[in-house]
Amino acid sequence: MSARLLIMGPQGSGKGTQAIRLAERMDVPAISTGDIFRANVKGGTELGTQAQAIMDAGDLVPDELTNAMVRDRLSQEDASRGFILDGYPRNAAQVTALDQMLQGDGVALDAVVELSAPRDELLARLARRAAIEGRTDDTEDAIRRRLEVYAEQTAPLTEAYAARGLLVTVDGIGEVDGVTERVLAALAEHVG
């Protein structure tokens, strides 16, 4: 199975966990824009300082910075065999940018996995994550804002990917292993 995948879903749906598990199974990198932003924040880089203020407000890092970061990451050797993108693209402009990046490399997406979960479950998961990890970007107001932004900007992308025949929707609720197996089965059926 080829592995040029996007994993989508609202914050708290388990995207990061599933991206890592799928990447291990498929021997490709999981590329999380959130992790890259947080690494820059921790490292005190100029982008990190800008990203910290934006993320603390519950807003998203501007497209130009995000696109450049993703372009750079996809050009690295370990992504030549495939990748699982987590947290990108988030809006129509980023979809266009990603399409251009992939076309420039002569490749295309194999599938887009959407993890679904009820809003109440998402809020509870994110509150637990904030308490456990001490993440400053997971305040209640920031969480609610990110869920609103997802509903406004990112959720409509699933319709576009469905129209291309790429969308695979999987229930993100349940034991982690069970969700992973559902995703793998849905992908096998999709490419089969």
Protein backbone atom coordinates (compact mmCIF):
# COMPACT_ATOMS: atom_id res chain seq x y z
CA MET A 1 0.00 0.00 0.00
CA SER A 2 1.34 3.39 -0.96
CA ALA A 3 1.35 5.87 1.89
CA ARG A 4 0.86 9.48 0.85
CA LEU A 5 -1.91 10.25 3.27
CA LEU A 6 -3.59 13.08 5.07
CA ILE A 7 -5.22 12.48 8.42
CA MET A 8 -7.96 14.96 9.28
CA GLY A 9 -10.45 15.54 12.03
CA PRO A 10 -11.09 18.09 14.72
CA GLN A 11 -8.53 18.64 17.47
CA GLY A 12 -8.84 15.85 20.01
CA SER A 13 -10.06 13.26 17.50
CA GLY A 14 -6.85 11.23 17.84
CA LYS A 15 -5.14 12.38 14.63
CA GLY A 16 -1.69 12.66 16.18
CA THR A 17 -1.84 9.26 17.87
CA GLN A 18 -3.15 7.55 14.76
CA ALA A 19 -0.68 9.34 12.45
CA ILE A 20 2.24 8.02 14.50
CA ARG A 21 0.83 4.48 14.64
CA LEU A 22 0.08 4.42 10.91
CA ALA A 23 3.50 5.85 10.07
CA GLU A 24 5.18 3.07 12.05
CA ARG A 25 3.11 0.42 10.29
CA MET A 26 3.74 1.92 6.84
CA ASP A 27 7.39 2.92 7.43
CA VAL A 28 6.91 6.57 6.47
CA PRO A 29 7.21 9.74 8.56
CA ALA A 30 4.27 11.25 10.41
CA ILE A 31 4.50 14.97 9.76
CA SER A 32 2.63 17.08 12.31
CA THR A 33 2.54 20.82 11.84
CA GLY A 34 1.62 21.18 15.53
CA ASP A 35 4.75 19.31 16.62
CA ILE A 36 6.92 21.43 14.33
CA PHE A 37 5.38 24.63 15.72
CA ARG A 38 5.86 23.45 19.32
CA ALA A 39 9.50 22.50 18.62
CA ASN A 40 10.11 26.01 17.32
CA VAL A 41 8.43 27.50 20.40
CA LYS A 42 10.55 25.34 22.72
CA GLY A 43 13.67 26.23 20.74
CA GLY A 44 12.93 29.94 20.99
CA THR A 45 13.18 30.50 17.23
CA GLU A 46 11.71 33.58 15.57
CA LEU A 47 8.93 31.44 14.07
CA GLY A 48 8.41 29.88 17.49
CA THR A 49 7.92 33.27 19.14
CA GLN A 50 5.40 34.29 16.46
CA ALA A 51 3.67 30.90 16.60
CA GLN A 52 3.42 30.96 20.43
CA ALA A 53 1.36 34.16 20.50
CA ILE A 54 -0.87 32.92 17.69
CA MET A 55 -1.43 29.45 19.20
CA ASP A 56 -2.05 30.84 22.70
CA ALA A 57 -4.90 32.89 21.23
CA GLY A 58 -6.31 29.71 19.67
CA ASP A 59 -5.63 30.94 16.15
CA LEU A 60 -3.72 29.21 13.37
CA VAL A 61 -0.26 30.08 12.07
CA PRO A 62 -0.53 31.98 8.73
CA ASP A 63 -0.58 29.94 5.51
CA GLU A 64 2.67 31.34 4.08
CA LEU A 65 4.71 30.14 7.07
CA THR A 66 2.89 26.83 7.28
CA ASN A 67 3.21 26.11 3.53
CA ALA A 68 6.95 26.85 3.55
CA MET A 69 7.47 24.60 6.56
CA VAL A 70 5.52 21.72 4.99
CA ARG A 71 7.28 22.15 1.62
CA ASP A 72 10.65 21.94 3.37
CA ARG A 73 9.63 18.86 5.37
CA LEU A 74 8.25 16.99 2.34
CA SER A 75 11.52 17.60 0.49
CA GLN A 76 13.49 15.63 3.08
CA GLU A 77 14.73 12.18 2.10
CA ASP A 78 12.61 10.18 4.55
CA ALA A 79 9.41 11.55 2.96
CA SER A 80 10.34 10.42 -0.56
CA ARG A 81 8.61 7.03 0.00
CA GLY A 82 5.51 8.62 1.47
CA PHE A 83 4.19 10.48 4.49
CA ILE A 84 1.24 10.99 6.75
CA LEU A 85 0.35 14.66 7.14
CA ASP A 86 -1.36 15.57 10.41
CA GLY A 87 -2.81 19.07 10.77
CA TYR A 88 -2.26 20.14 7.17
CA PRO A 89 -3.96 21.30 5.02
CA ARG A 90 -6.40 23.29 7.14
CA ASN A 91 -8.06 25.43 4.46
CA ALA A 92 -8.67 25.65 0.71
CA ALA A 93 -5.55 27.75 0.07
CA GLN A 94 -3.39 25.13 1.76
CA VAL A 95 -5.05 22.38 -0.32
CA THR A 96 -3.99 24.27 -3.45
CA ALA A 97 -0.46 24.72 -2.10
CA LEU A 98 -0.20 21.01 -1.24
CA ASP A 99 -1.53 20.01 -4.68
CA GLN A 100 1.18 22.18 -6.27
CA MET A 101 3.91 20.70 -4.05
CA LEU A 102 2.91 17.13 -4.89
CA GLN A 103 2.46 17.82 -8.61
CA GLY A 104 5.93 19.36 -8.63
CA ASP A 105 7.25 16.08 -7.25
CA GLY A 106 5.18 14.01 -9.71
CA VAL A 107 3.13 12.31 -6.97
CA ALA A 108 -0.41 12.47 -5.62
CA LEU A 109 -2.30 11.69 -2.43
CA ASP A 110 -3.46 8.10 -1.99
CA ALA A 111 -6.19 8.83 0.55
CA VAL A 112 -7.49 11.28 3.14
CA VAL A 113 -8.48 9.71 6.46
CA GLU A 114 -11.06 11.65 8.48
CA LEU A 115 -11.44 10.69 12.14
CA SER A 116 -14.87 11.58 13.49
CA ALA A 117 -15.86 12.17 17.12
CA PRO A 118 -18.70 13.99 18.94
CA ARG A 119 -17.93 17.55 20.12
CA ASP A 120 -18.44 16.72 23.83
CA GLU A 121 -15.90 13.91 23.59
CA LEU A 122 -13.43 16.24 21.84
CA LEU A 123 -13.74 18.88 24.57
CA ALA A 124 -13.22 16.27 27.30
CA ARG A 125 -10.19 14.74 25.54
CA LEU A 126 -8.56 18.14 25.01
CA ALA A 127 -9.14 19.18 28.63
CA ARG A 128 -7.46 15.93 29.79
CA ARG A 129 -4.54 16.48 27.42
CA ALA A 130 -4.05 20.03 28.70
CA ALA A 131 -4.00 18.83 32.31
CA ILE A 132 -1.59 15.96 31.60
CA GLU A 133 0.81 17.77 29.26
CA GLY A 134 0.51 21.30 30.69
CA ARG A 135 0.04 22.72 27.21
CA THR A 136 -0.53 26.48 27.24
CA ASP A 137 -2.29 26.29 23.86
CA ASP A 138 -5.01 24.05 25.32
CA THR A 139 -6.97 26.56 27.40
CA GLU A 140 -10.75 26.15 27.29
CA ASP A 141 -11.16 29.30 25.17
CA ALA A 142 -8.39 28.24 22.78
CA ILE A 143 -9.89 24.76 22.44
CA ARG A 144 -13.33 26.15 21.62
CA ARG A 145 -11.81 28.59 19.12
CA ARG A 146 -9.85 25.85 17.34
CA LEU A 147 -12.96 23.67 17.08
CA GLU A 148 -14.85 26.64 15.58
CA VAL A 149 -12.04 27.32 13.09
CA TYR A 150 -11.99 23.62 12.15
CA ALA A 151 -15.74 23.63 11.52
CA GLU A 152 -15.52 26.80 9.43
CA GLN A 153 -12.34 26.21 7.43
CA THR A 154 -11.16 22.61 7.56
CA ALA A 155 -14.29 20.47 7.69
CA PRO A 156 -15.40 21.70 4.24
CA LEU A 157 -12.16 20.27 2.80
CA THR A 158 -13.44 16.78 3.47
CA GLU A 159 -16.22 17.42 0.93
CA ALA A 160 -13.64 18.43 -1.66
CA TYR A 161 -11.54 15.32 -1.00
CA ALA A 162 -14.68 13.16 -1.09
CA ALA A 163 -15.47 14.61 -4.54
CA ARG A 164 -11.98 13.50 -5.66
CA GLY A 165 -12.67 9.99 -4.36
CA LEU A 166 -9.97 10.22 -1.69
CA LEU A 167 -11.95 10.47 1.56
CA VAL A 168 -12.11 7.59 4.04
CA THR A 169 -14.10 8.38 7.22
CA VAL A 170 -13.43 6.35 10.37
CA ASP A 171 -14.97 6.56 13.85
CA GLY A 172 -12.22 7.93 16.13
CA ILE A 173 -13.89 6.80 19.38
CA GLY A 174 -12.71 3.69 21.18
CA GLU A 175 -9.51 1.94 22.17
CA VAL A 176 -6.46 3.22 20.28
CA ASP A 177 -5.66 -0.23 18.81
CA GLY A 178 -9.25 -0.63 17.62
CA VAL A 179 -9.22 2.74 15.88
CA THR A 180 -5.90 1.90 14.19
CA GLU A 181 -7.28 -1.39 12.90
CA ARG A 182 -10.43 0.37 11.60
CA VAL A 183 -8.28 2.92 9.77
CA LEU A 184 -6.07 0.22 8.20
CA ALA A 185 -9.11 -1.81 7.14
CA ALA A 186 -10.78 1.27 5.63
CA LEU A 187 -7.59 2.16 3.73
CA ALA A 188 -7.21 -1.41 2.42
CA GLU A 189 -10.80 -1.35 1.20
CA HIS A 190 -10.31 2.09 -0.35
CA VAL A 191 -7.26 1.11 -2.40
CA GLY A 192 -8.59 -2.40 -3.09
